[in-house]
């Protein structure tokens, strides 16, 4: 590459579900952040008002965040960058890399070695969570597990019905790995059961063509917190709003 400061511009694909100016804003922030509203408008060749409108919507969706920066004399500038949820919109090859490494391990030491490595990883996570959540109520442990799964990309939520408690994962963050090593699904169910101290029964499975993985949870019937922490607030239905309120 020459030292003139000119760089070849590559048209990056827009994030899934985000088109037009909104998607272009996300791409420009991915290329170079933080950027001010004026800088974004200049890069995109559009008006300041249009950029402000899309930034406001992206901020409401928690896809971008901003900080105040002092750039010389005058009022501070609002500089925008991608929030963690915005970064997650762009493709990563963790699945492919992990699957490749596991396949290498299978070739070197056999399938049992790869499966054992995955199971040991989940066991270590379960032990860490059990230690961190010692003395916590079932509802608090449920909240912690749901949050951890969502942060790891599983889009998890809990719902309560007359039939009991259901933990749903709307996304499989490591589906390529799970398809190659389905034992990881059993390890996940075991982790959930150990940390929540509950019986876990899988009722839906993404690997079997379902749109989500669903686990029916059976707590000790004598536990006063086997259901929502506050029925007057949560009631039947989704627990996700309550988790956000208490996070």
Foldseek 3Di string as FASTA:
>chain_A
DDPPPDDDDDDDDFFPPDDDLLSVLLVVLVVDDFAFLVRSCVVVVHDSVVSVVSVVVCVVVVQKDWDWADDPDDGTTTTMHGGPVVVVSDDDCPLVVLQVVLVVCCVVPNNVVSLVVLLVVLVVVLVVLLVVQPPPALQVLVLVVQVVCVVLPQCWWWFQDPVAIKIKGQDDSNVSNCLVPVSSVVSVQVSVCSSSVWHWDWDDDVSVPDSIIMIGTGDDPVRPPRDPPDCVPRPGTICVVVSVVVD
